[in-house]
């Protein structure tokens, strides 16, 4: 039973970490190099992340700079950023690609909050699926007679406590991101 509970905790931690990763791709008013993580550049026929082709930095809260190591990559990186759904407009001066972060409109902020809520709901579904898998595992052990009914009930109660705490944690993550997005 301890192994099942330990597995539940690690899988739910991964669901929480996955939500954080999704949130890092959501654009807020501030510049962040994590925004570019999901963008792949078609570099000599291979989809390559931007951070493997260039040094990416944020000199201030409203600008991202990209300095490619290969001159041939300038245009490719620029096109990849324009094709992405981030709504960013890169400016290439021949040495550095600069991306100015335009302030978000109220409508766009509300849209981003909706996307964040969707990500949170997906994470909650994942957590509930983990709970269901663990409870099924405990019921199998009951059928195999390796656990008693009392142990199964205690295990299910413990798993439910863990699930409730992770759902609350996911809600806190969303509330924090929502505040960050709506901040002007």
N, C-alpha and C. Protein backbone atom coordinates (compact mmCIF):
# COMPACT_ATOMS: atom_id res chain seq x y z
N UNK A 1 0.82 -1.19 0.00
CA UNK A 1 0.00 0.00 0.00
C UNK A 1 0.87 1.26 0.00
N UNK A 2 1.99 1.21 0.74
CA UNK A 2 2.89 2.37 0.79
C UNK A 2 3.45 2.69 -0.60
N UNK A 3 3.72 1.62 -1.37
CA UNK A 3 4.26 1.82 -2.72
C UNK A 3 3.23 2.52 -3.61
N UNK A 4 1.97 2.14 -3.47
CA UNK A 4 0.90 2.76 -4.26
C UNK A 4 0.80 4.25 -3.91
N UNK A 5 0.83 4.57 -2.63
CA UNK A 5 0.71 5.97 -2.18
C UNK A 5 1.92 6.79 -2.63
N UNK A 6 3.11 6.20 -2.55
CA UNK A 6 4.31 6.90 -3.00
C UNK A 6 4.23 7.17 -4.51
N UNK A 7 3.73 6.19 -5.26
CA UNK A 7 3.56 6.35 -6.71
C UNK A 7 2.57 7.46 -7.01
N UNK A 8 1.48 7.52 -6.25
CA UNK A 8 0.47 8.57 -6.43
C UNK A 8 1.10 9.94 -6.23
N UNK A 9 1.88 10.09 -5.17
CA UNK A 9 2.50 11.39 -4.89
C UNK A 9 3.44 11.81 -6.01
N UNK A 10 4.29 10.89 -6.49
CA UNK A 10 5.24 11.27 -7.54
C UNK A 10 4.52 11.61 -8.85
N UNK A 11 3.48 10.84 -9.19
CA UNK A 11 2.75 11.11 -10.43
C UNK A 11 1.99 12.44 -10.34
N UNK A 12 1.45 12.75 -9.17
CA UNK A 12 0.73 14.02 -9.01
C UNK A 12 1.70 15.20 -9.02
N UNK A 13 2.90 15.00 -8.47
CA UNK A 13 3.94 16.05 -8.55
C UNK A 13 4.28 16.34 -10.01
N UNK A 14 4.35 15.28 -10.82
CA UNK A 14 4.66 15.46 -12.24
C UNK A 14 3.54 16.22 -12.93
N UNK A 15 2.29 15.97 -12.55
CA UNK A 15 1.16 16.70 -13.14
C UNK A 15 1.26 18.19 -12.79
N UNK A 16 1.65 18.47 -11.55
CA UNK A 16 1.81 19.85 -11.10
C UNK A 16 2.96 20.53 -11.86
N UNK A 17 4.06 19.81 -12.04
CA UNK A 17 5.21 20.36 -12.77
C UNK A 17 4.84 20.60 -14.24
N UNK A 18 4.04 19.71 -14.81
CA UNK A 18 3.61 19.88 -16.20
C UNK A 18 2.74 21.14 -16.34
N UNK A 19 1.92 21.41 -15.33
CA UNK A 19 1.09 22.63 -15.35
C UNK A 19 1.99 23.87 -15.29
N UNK A 20 3.01 23.82 -14.44
CA UNK A 20 3.96 24.95 -14.38
C UNK A 20 4.62 25.18 -15.74
N UNK A 21 4.98 24.10 -16.41
CA UNK A 21 5.62 24.21 -17.72
C UNK A 21 4.65 24.84 -18.72
N UNK A 22 3.39 24.41 -18.69
CA UNK A 22 2.38 25.00 -19.59
C UNK A 22 2.22 26.50 -19.30
N UNK A 23 2.20 26.84 -18.01
CA UNK A 23 2.05 28.24 -17.63
C UNK A 23 3.23 29.08 -18.09
N UNK A 24 4.42 28.49 -18.14
CA UNK A 24 5.60 29.27 -18.55
C UNK A 24 5.49 29.70 -20.01
N UNK A 25 4.69 28.97 -20.80
CA UNK A 25 4.50 29.34 -22.21
C UNK A 25 3.43 30.40 -22.38
N UNK A 26 2.63 30.64 -21.34
CA UNK A 26 1.60 31.67 -21.43
C UNK A 26 2.25 33.03 -21.29
N UNK A 27 1.87 33.93 -22.16
CA UNK A 27 2.49 35.25 -22.17
C UNK A 27 1.87 36.16 -21.13
N UNK A 28 2.69 36.79 -20.36
CA UNK A 28 2.22 37.82 -19.43
C UNK A 28 2.77 39.15 -19.95
N UNK A 29 2.65 40.20 -19.21
CA UNK A 29 3.15 41.50 -19.66
C UNK A 29 4.67 41.57 -19.69
N UNK A 30 5.34 40.66 -19.00
CA UNK A 30 6.80 40.71 -18.91
C UNK A 30 7.46 39.77 -19.93
N UNK A 31 8.66 40.13 -20.34
CA UNK A 31 9.43 39.30 -21.25
C UNK A 31 10.01 38.12 -20.49
N UNK A 32 9.98 36.95 -21.10
CA UNK A 32 10.54 35.75 -20.48
C UNK A 32 11.09 34.85 -21.58
N UNK A 33 12.30 34.32 -21.36
CA UNK A 33 12.89 33.44 -22.37
C UNK A 33 12.10 32.14 -22.49
N UNK A 34 11.33 31.77 -21.46
CA UNK A 34 10.52 30.55 -21.49
C UNK A 34 9.43 30.63 -22.56
N UNK A 35 9.07 31.85 -22.97
CA UNK A 35 8.07 32.01 -24.03
C UNK A 35 8.51 31.32 -25.32
N UNK A 36 9.80 31.33 -25.58
CA UNK A 36 10.32 30.80 -26.83
C UNK A 36 10.62 29.30 -26.77
N UNK A 37 10.41 28.67 -25.60
CA UNK A 37 10.75 27.25 -25.44
C UNK A 37 10.02 26.34 -26.42
N UNK A 38 8.76 26.64 -26.70
CA UNK A 38 7.98 25.75 -27.57
C UNK A 38 8.24 25.95 -29.05
N UNK A 39 9.00 26.97 -29.42
CA UNK A 39 9.21 27.29 -30.84
C UNK A 39 10.41 26.50 -31.38
N UNK A 40 10.17 25.81 -32.49
CA UNK A 40 11.23 25.05 -33.15
C UNK A 40 11.55 25.71 -34.48
N UNK A 41 12.84 25.80 -34.81
CA UNK A 41 13.31 26.38 -36.06
C UNK A 41 13.72 25.23 -36.98
N UNK A 42 13.29 25.28 -38.23
CA UNK A 42 13.67 24.25 -39.20
C UNK A 42 15.10 24.56 -39.68
N UNK A 43 16.07 24.03 -38.96
CA UNK A 43 17.49 24.33 -39.19
C UNK A 43 18.13 23.15 -39.92
N UNK A 44 18.42 23.32 -41.19
CA UNK A 44 18.96 22.26 -42.04
C UNK A 44 18.11 20.99 -41.97
N UNK A 45 16.80 21.17 -42.03
CA UNK A 45 15.88 20.04 -42.07
C UNK A 45 15.56 19.42 -40.73
N UNK A 46 16.09 19.98 -39.66
CA UNK A 46 15.84 19.43 -38.33
C UNK A 46 15.15 20.47 -37.46
N UNK A 47 13.99 20.12 -36.85
CA UNK A 47 13.36 21.08 -35.93
C UNK A 47 14.24 21.25 -34.68
N UNK A 48 14.74 22.46 -34.49
CA UNK A 48 15.69 22.74 -33.42
C UNK A 48 15.17 23.86 -32.52
N UNK A 49 15.25 23.70 -31.19
CA UNK A 49 14.84 24.79 -30.29
C UNK A 49 15.75 26.01 -30.48
N UNK A 50 15.17 27.19 -30.30
CA UNK A 50 15.92 28.44 -30.50
C UNK A 50 17.14 28.52 -29.59
N UNK A 51 17.00 28.06 -28.34
CA UNK A 51 18.13 28.19 -27.41
C UNK A 51 19.32 27.30 -27.78
N UNK A 52 19.15 26.39 -28.75
CA UNK A 52 20.28 25.60 -29.23
C UNK A 52 20.97 26.25 -30.44
N UNK A 53 20.33 27.31 -30.97
CA UNK A 53 20.90 28.00 -32.12
C UNK A 53 21.46 29.37 -31.76
N UNK A 54 21.12 29.86 -30.59
CA UNK A 54 21.47 31.24 -30.25
C UNK A 54 21.47 31.43 -28.74
N UNK A 55 22.05 32.55 -28.31
CA UNK A 55 21.93 32.90 -26.90
C UNK A 55 20.71 33.81 -26.77
N UNK A 56 19.84 33.46 -25.84
CA UNK A 56 18.59 34.18 -25.64
C UNK A 56 18.66 34.85 -24.27
N UNK A 57 18.30 36.15 -24.22
CA UNK A 57 18.34 36.85 -22.94
C UNK A 57 17.24 37.90 -22.88
N UNK A 58 17.01 38.41 -21.69
CA UNK A 58 16.04 39.48 -21.48
C UNK A 58 16.77 40.65 -20.82
N UNK A 59 17.22 41.64 -21.63
CA UNK A 59 17.95 42.77 -21.06
C UNK A 59 17.07 43.65 -20.16
N UNK A 60 15.76 43.68 -20.44
CA UNK A 60 14.84 44.40 -19.56
C UNK A 60 13.50 43.67 -19.57
N UNK A 61 12.54 44.18 -18.83
CA UNK A 61 11.28 43.45 -18.65
C UNK A 61 10.39 43.47 -19.89
N UNK A 62 10.72 44.26 -20.90
CA UNK A 62 9.88 44.36 -22.10
C UNK A 62 10.58 43.88 -23.38
N UNK A 63 11.79 43.34 -23.28
CA UNK A 63 12.54 42.96 -24.48
C UNK A 63 13.20 41.59 -24.32
N UNK A 64 13.16 40.82 -25.41
CA UNK A 64 13.91 39.57 -25.49
C UNK A 64 14.91 39.76 -26.62
N UNK A 65 16.18 39.41 -26.38
CA UNK A 65 17.18 39.48 -27.45
C UNK A 65 17.66 38.07 -27.77
N UNK A 66 17.85 37.83 -29.06
CA UNK A 66 18.32 36.53 -29.54
C UNK A 66 19.54 36.80 -30.40
N UNK A 67 20.67 36.19 -30.03
CA UNK A 67 21.90 36.38 -30.80
C UNK A 67 22.33 35.03 -31.37
N UNK A 68 21.94 34.76 -32.65
CA UNK A 68 22.29 33.47 -33.27
C UNK A 68 23.79 33.31 -33.45
N UNK A 69 24.26 32.07 -33.35
CA UNK A 69 25.68 31.80 -33.52
C UNK A 69 26.02 31.65 -35.00
N UNK A 70 25.00 31.25 -35.80
CA UNK A 70 25.20 31.07 -37.24
C UNK A 70 24.39 32.14 -37.97
N UNK A 71 25.05 32.89 -38.85
CA UNK A 71 24.37 33.97 -39.57
C UNK A 71 23.21 33.46 -40.41
N UNK A 72 23.29 32.23 -40.89
CA UNK A 72 22.23 31.65 -41.71
C UNK A 72 20.94 31.45 -40.91
N UNK A 73 21.04 31.42 -39.60
CA UNK A 73 19.88 31.14 -38.75
C UNK A 73 19.00 32.37 -38.49
N UNK A 74 19.52 33.58 -38.81
CA UNK A 74 18.75 34.80 -38.52
C UNK A 74 17.34 34.74 -39.09
N UNK A 75 17.25 34.55 -40.41
CA UNK A 75 15.96 34.53 -41.09
C UNK A 75 15.07 33.40 -40.61
N UNK A 76 15.69 32.24 -40.38
CA UNK A 76 14.92 31.06 -39.95
C UNK A 76 14.29 31.29 -38.57
N UNK A 77 15.06 31.87 -37.66
CA UNK A 77 14.56 32.14 -36.32
C UNK A 77 13.43 33.17 -36.39
N UNK A 78 13.65 34.21 -37.20
CA UNK A 78 12.65 35.26 -37.35
C UNK A 78 11.32 34.69 -37.87
N UNK A 79 11.39 33.84 -38.90
CA UNK A 79 10.19 33.24 -39.48
C UNK A 79 9.48 32.34 -38.46
N UNK A 80 10.26 31.56 -37.72
CA UNK A 80 9.67 30.64 -36.74
C UNK A 80 8.90 31.41 -35.66
N UNK A 81 9.45 32.55 -35.22
CA UNK A 81 8.78 33.36 -34.20
C UNK A 81 7.51 33.98 -34.77
N UNK A 82 7.57 34.45 -36.01
CA UNK A 82 6.39 35.04 -36.63
C UNK A 82 5.29 34.01 -36.85
N UNK A 83 5.66 32.77 -37.17
CA UNK A 83 4.67 31.72 -37.40
C UNK A 83 4.02 31.26 -36.10
N UNK A 84 4.71 31.42 -34.98
CA UNK A 84 4.16 30.96 -33.69
C UNK A 84 2.91 31.76 -33.36
N UNK A 85 2.09 31.22 -32.47
CA UNK A 85 0.84 31.88 -32.11
C UNK A 85 1.01 32.87 -30.96
N UNK A 86 2.24 33.33 -30.72
CA UNK A 86 2.49 34.24 -29.61
C UNK A 86 2.17 35.70 -29.95
N UNK A 87 2.05 36.00 -31.23
CA UNK A 87 1.75 37.38 -31.63
C UNK A 87 2.92 38.32 -31.42
N UNK A 88 4.14 37.81 -31.58
CA UNK A 88 5.34 38.63 -31.39
C UNK A 88 5.91 39.03 -32.74
N UNK A 89 6.54 40.21 -32.79
CA UNK A 89 7.11 40.71 -34.03
C UNK A 89 8.61 40.95 -33.84
N UNK A 90 9.46 40.02 -34.32
CA UNK A 90 10.91 40.19 -34.15
C UNK A 90 11.48 41.24 -35.10
N UNK A 91 12.51 41.94 -34.63
CA UNK A 91 13.21 42.94 -35.44
C UNK A 91 14.67 42.50 -35.54
N UNK A 92 15.16 42.37 -36.77
CA UNK A 92 16.51 41.87 -37.02
C UNK A 92 17.39 43.03 -37.48
N UNK A 93 18.47 43.30 -36.75
CA UNK A 93 19.38 44.38 -37.16
C UNK A 93 20.70 43.84 -37.73
N UNK A 94 20.75 42.54 -38.02
CA UNK A 94 21.95 41.94 -38.60
C UNK A 94 22.88 41.34 -37.56
N UNK A 95 22.82 41.79 -36.33
CA UNK A 95 23.65 41.26 -35.25
C UNK A 95 22.82 40.55 -34.19
N UNK A 96 21.65 41.13 -33.91
CA UNK A 96 20.78 40.62 -32.84
C UNK A 96 19.33 40.70 -33.32
N UNK A 97 18.53 39.73 -32.89
CA UNK A 97 17.08 39.80 -33.13
C UNK A 97 16.45 40.29 -31.83
N UNK A 98 15.72 41.38 -31.91
CA UNK A 98 15.04 41.93 -30.74
C UNK A 98 13.54 41.70 -30.85
N UNK A 99 12.95 41.33 -29.72
CA UNK A 99 11.50 41.17 -29.68
C UNK A 99 10.98 42.09 -28.59
N UNK A 100 10.24 43.09 -28.99
CA UNK A 100 9.61 43.99 -28.02
C UNK A 100 8.29 43.38 -27.58
N UNK A 101 8.04 43.38 -26.30
CA UNK A 101 6.80 42.80 -25.78
C UNK A 101 5.76 43.90 -25.71
N UNK A 102 4.77 43.87 -26.62
CA UNK A 102 3.73 44.89 -26.56
C UNK A 102 2.85 44.65 -25.34
N UNK A 103 2.31 45.72 -24.75
CA UNK A 103 1.42 45.52 -23.61
C UNK A 103 0.18 44.76 -24.05
N UNK A 104 -0.32 43.90 -23.17
CA UNK A 104 -1.49 43.10 -23.50
C UNK A 104 -2.77 43.93 -23.36
N UNK A 105 -3.70 43.70 -24.28
CA UNK A 105 -5.00 44.36 -24.16
C UNK A 105 -5.83 43.61 -23.13
N UNK A 106 -6.89 44.24 -22.65
CA UNK A 106 -7.76 43.61 -21.65
C UNK A 106 -8.38 42.32 -22.20
N UNK A 107 -8.81 42.35 -23.47
CA UNK A 107 -9.40 41.15 -24.07
C UNK A 107 -8.39 40.02 -24.15
N UNK A 108 -7.17 40.35 -24.54
CA UNK A 108 -6.12 39.32 -24.66
C UNK A 108 -5.79 38.74 -23.28
N UNK A 109 -5.79 39.58 -22.27
CA UNK A 109 -5.54 39.10 -20.90
C UNK A 109 -6.62 38.09 -20.49
N UNK A 110 -7.87 38.43 -20.78
CA UNK A 110 -8.98 37.52 -20.43
C UNK A 110 -8.88 36.21 -21.20
N UNK A 111 -8.47 36.30 -22.47
CA UNK A 111 -8.26 35.09 -23.27
C UNK A 111 -7.18 34.21 -22.65
N UNK A 112 -6.08 34.83 -22.24
CA UNK A 112 -4.97 34.08 -21.63
C UNK A 112 -5.40 33.43 -20.32
N UNK A 113 -6.25 34.12 -19.55
CA UNK A 113 -6.75 33.53 -18.30
C UNK A 113 -7.60 32.30 -18.62
N UNK A 114 -8.40 32.37 -19.69
CA UNK A 114 -9.22 31.21 -20.09
C UNK A 114 -8.33 30.03 -20.47
N UNK A 115 -7.25 30.32 -21.21
CA UNK A 115 -6.32 29.27 -21.60
C UNK A 115 -5.68 28.66 -20.35
N UNK A 116 -5.30 29.52 -19.39
CA UNK A 116 -4.73 29.03 -18.14
C UNK A 116 -5.70 28.16 -17.37
N UNK A 117 -6.97 28.55 -17.38
CA UNK A 117 -8.00 27.76 -16.69
C UNK A 117 -8.14 26.39 -17.36
N UNK A 118 -8.07 26.38 -18.70
CA UNK A 118 -8.16 25.11 -19.43
C UNK A 118 -6.98 24.20 -19.05
N UNK A 119 -5.77 24.76 -18.99
CA UNK A 119 -4.60 23.97 -18.58
C UNK A 119 -4.78 23.42 -17.18
N UNK A 120 -5.33 24.24 -16.29
CA UNK A 120 -5.55 23.81 -14.91
C UNK A 120 -6.55 22.67 -14.86
N UNK A 121 -7.64 22.77 -15.63
CA UNK A 121 -8.64 21.70 -15.66
C UNK A 121 -8.04 20.40 -16.18
N UNK A 122 -7.19 20.50 -17.20
CA UNK A 122 -6.53 19.31 -17.74
C UNK A 122 -5.64 18.66 -16.68
N UNK A 123 -4.95 19.47 -15.90
CA UNK A 123 -4.09 18.94 -14.83
C UNK A 123 -4.95 18.28 -13.75
N UNK A 124 -6.10 18.88 -13.44
CA UNK A 124 -6.99 18.28 -12.43
C UNK A 124 -7.52 16.93 -12.91
N UNK A 125 -7.85 16.84 -14.19
CA UNK A 125 -8.31 15.56 -14.75
C UNK A 125 -7.21 14.52 -14.62
N UNK A 126 -5.98 14.93 -14.91
CA UNK A 126 -4.84 14.00 -14.78
C UNK A 126 -4.70 13.52 -13.34
N UNK A 127 -4.85 14.43 -12.38
CA UNK A 127 -4.75 14.06 -10.96
C UNK A 127 -5.86 13.08 -10.59
N UNK A 128 -7.07 13.33 -11.08
CA UNK A 128 -8.20 12.42 -10.77
C UNK A 128 -7.99 11.05 -11.40
N UNK A 129 -7.40 11.03 -12.61
CA UNK A 129 -7.10 9.75 -13.25
C UNK A 129 -6.06 8.96 -12.45
N UNK A 130 -5.10 9.67 -11.90
CA UNK A 130 -4.09 9.02 -11.06
C UNK A 130 -4.77 8.42 -9.82
N UNK A 131 -5.70 9.18 -9.23
CA UNK A 131 -6.45 8.67 -8.07
C UNK A 131 -7.21 7.41 -8.44
N UNK A 132 -7.89 7.43 -9.58
CA UNK A 132 -8.67 6.26 -10.01
C UNK A 132 -7.76 5.05 -10.21
N UNK A 133 -6.61 5.25 -10.86
CA UNK A 133 -5.66 4.15 -11.08
C UNK A 133 -5.20 3.56 -9.75
N UNK A 134 -4.90 4.43 -8.79
CA UNK A 134 -4.42 3.96 -7.48
C UNK A 134 -5.52 3.18 -6.76
N UNK A 135 -6.75 3.69 -6.81
CA UNK A 135 -7.86 2.97 -6.15
C UNK A 135 -8.10 1.62 -6.81
N UNK A 136 -7.99 1.56 -8.14
CA UNK A 136 -8.14 0.27 -8.84
C UNK A 136 -7.04 -0.69 -8.42
N UNK A 137 -5.84 -0.16 -8.25
CA UNK A 137 -4.71 -0.98 -7.82
C UNK A 137 -4.97 -1.57 -6.43
N UNK A 138 -5.51 -0.73 -5.54
CA UNK A 138 -5.82 -1.22 -4.19
C UNK A 138 -6.91 -2.29 -4.23
N UNK A 139 -7.91 -2.12 -5.08
CA UNK A 139 -9.00 -3.11 -5.19
C UNK A 139 -8.48 -4.43 -5.74
N UNK A 140 -7.49 -4.36 -6.66
CA UNK A 140 -6.88 -5.59 -7.17
C UNK A 140 -6.18 -6.33 -6.04
N UNK A 141 -5.48 -5.56 -5.20
CA UNK A 141 -4.77 -6.18 -4.07
C UNK A 141 -5.76 -6.80 -3.09
N UNK A 142 -6.95 -6.24 -2.98
CA UNK A 142 -7.99 -6.82 -2.13
C UNK A 142 -8.45 -8.15 -2.71
N UNK A 143 -8.64 -8.21 -4.02
CA UNK A 143 -9.05 -9.46 -4.68
C UNK A 143 -7.98 -10.53 -4.54
N UNK A 144 -6.70 -10.09 -4.63
CA UNK A 144 -5.59 -11.04 -4.50
C UNK A 144 -5.39 -11.46 -3.04
N UNK A 145 -6.13 -10.82 -2.16
CA UNK A 145 -6.07 -11.05 -0.71
C UNK A 145 -4.72 -10.66 -0.11
N UNK A 146 -4.02 -9.71 -0.77
CA UNK A 146 -2.77 -9.23 -0.19
C UNK A 146 -3.03 -8.02 0.71
N UNK A 147 -4.26 -7.47 0.66
CA UNK A 147 -4.67 -6.40 1.57
C UNK A 147 -6.05 -6.70 2.13
N UNK A 148 -6.31 -6.23 3.35
CA UNK A 148 -7.64 -6.42 3.94
C UNK A 148 -8.54 -5.26 3.51
N UNK A 149 -9.86 -5.42 3.73
CA UNK A 149 -10.81 -4.36 3.37
C UNK A 149 -10.52 -3.08 4.14
N UNK A 150 -10.15 -3.22 5.42
CA UNK A 150 -9.84 -2.04 6.23
C UNK A 150 -8.62 -1.29 5.66
N UNK A 151 -7.60 -2.05 5.26
CA UNK A 151 -6.42 -1.41 4.68
C UNK A 151 -6.76 -0.69 3.38
N UNK A 152 -7.63 -1.30 2.57
CA UNK A 152 -8.03 -0.68 1.30
C UNK A 152 -8.78 0.62 1.59
N UNK A 153 -9.70 0.60 2.58
CA UNK A 153 -10.44 1.83 2.92
C UNK A 153 -9.50 2.92 3.42
N UNK A 154 -8.53 2.53 4.27
CA UNK A 154 -7.55 3.52 4.76
C UNK A 154 -6.73 4.07 3.60
N UNK A 155 -6.33 3.20 2.70
CA UNK A 155 -5.54 3.62 1.54
C UNK A 155 -6.33 4.56 0.65
N UNK A 156 -7.61 4.24 0.41
CA UNK A 156 -8.44 5.12 -0.42
C UNK A 156 -8.62 6.48 0.24
N UNK A 157 -8.78 6.49 1.56
CA UNK A 157 -8.93 7.76 2.29
C UNK A 157 -7.64 8.58 2.18
N UNK A 158 -6.50 7.92 2.32
CA UNK A 158 -5.21 8.60 2.20
C UNK A 158 -5.01 9.16 0.79
N UNK A 159 -5.36 8.37 -0.21
CA UNK A 159 -5.24 8.81 -1.61
C UNK A 159 -6.16 10.00 -1.86
N UNK A 160 -7.37 9.98 -1.27
CA UNK A 160 -8.29 11.10 -1.45
C UNK A 160 -7.73 12.38 -0.82
N UNK A 161 -7.09 12.24 0.36
CA UNK A 161 -6.47 13.41 1.01
C UNK A 161 -5.38 14.00 0.11
N UNK A 162 -4.55 13.12 -0.44
CA UNK A 162 -3.46 13.56 -1.32
C UNK A 162 -4.05 14.25 -2.55
N UNK A 163 -5.10 13.65 -3.13
CA UNK A 163 -5.75 14.23 -4.31
C UNK A 163 -6.29 15.62 -4.00
N UNK A 164 -6.98 15.75 -2.87
CA UNK A 164 -7.54 17.05 -2.48
C UNK A 164 -6.44 18.10 -2.33
N UNK A 165 -5.32 17.69 -1.71
CA UNK A 165 -4.23 18.66 -1.51
C UNK A 165 -3.62 19.09 -2.86
N UNK A 166 -3.50 18.15 -3.81
CA UNK A 166 -2.95 18.51 -5.11
C UNK A 166 -3.90 19.36 -5.93
N UNK A 167 -5.21 19.08 -5.83
CA UNK A 167 -6.19 19.92 -6.54
C UNK A 167 -6.12 21.35 -6.00
N UNK A 168 -5.98 21.48 -4.67
CA UNK A 168 -5.85 22.81 -4.07
C UNK A 168 -4.56 23.48 -4.55
N UNK A 169 -3.48 22.70 -4.65
CA UNK A 169 -2.20 23.25 -5.13
C UNK A 169 -2.33 23.75 -6.57
N UNK A 170 -3.03 22.98 -7.42
CA UNK A 170 -3.23 23.38 -8.81
C UNK A 170 -4.04 24.67 -8.88
N UNK A 171 -5.05 24.78 -8.03
CA UNK A 171 -5.85 26.02 -7.98
C UNK A 171 -5.00 27.21 -7.56
N UNK A 172 -4.08 26.99 -6.61
CA UNK A 172 -3.18 28.07 -6.18
C UNK A 172 -2.26 28.49 -7.33
N UNK A 173 -1.75 27.50 -8.08
CA UNK A 173 -0.88 27.81 -9.21
C UNK A 173 -1.65 28.67 -10.23
N UNK A 174 -2.91 28.30 -10.48
CA UNK A 174 -3.72 29.06 -11.44
C UNK A 174 -3.98 30.47 -10.93
N UNK A 175 -4.32 30.59 -9.65
CA UNK A 175 -4.61 31.92 -9.08
C UNK A 175 -3.38 32.83 -9.20
N UNK A 176 -2.21 32.27 -8.96
CA UNK A 176 -0.97 33.04 -9.07
C UNK A 176 -0.74 33.50 -10.51
N UNK A 177 -0.94 32.58 -11.46
CA UNK A 177 -0.74 32.92 -12.88
C UNK A 177 -1.78 33.92 -13.34
N UNK A 178 -3.02 33.76 -12.89
CA UNK A 178 -4.08 34.69 -13.26
C UNK A 178 -3.75 36.11 -12.79
N UNK A 179 -3.26 36.20 -11.55
CA UNK A 179 -2.87 37.51 -11.00
C UNK A 179 -1.75 38.12 -11.84
N UNK A 180 -0.79 37.27 -12.23
CA UNK A 180 0.35 37.72 -13.04
C UNK A 180 -0.12 38.23 -14.40
N UNK A 181 -1.07 37.52 -15.02
CA UNK A 181 -1.57 37.91 -16.34
C UNK A 181 -2.37 39.21 -16.27
N UNK A 182 -3.21 39.33 -15.25
CA UNK A 182 -4.11 40.49 -15.16
C UNK A 182 -3.40 41.75 -14.65
N UNK A 183 -2.18 41.57 -14.13
CA UNK A 183 -1.41 42.70 -13.61
C UNK A 183 -1.00 43.62 -14.77
N UNK A 184 -1.20 44.92 -14.57
CA UNK A 184 -0.87 45.87 -15.64
C UNK A 184 0.46 46.55 -15.34
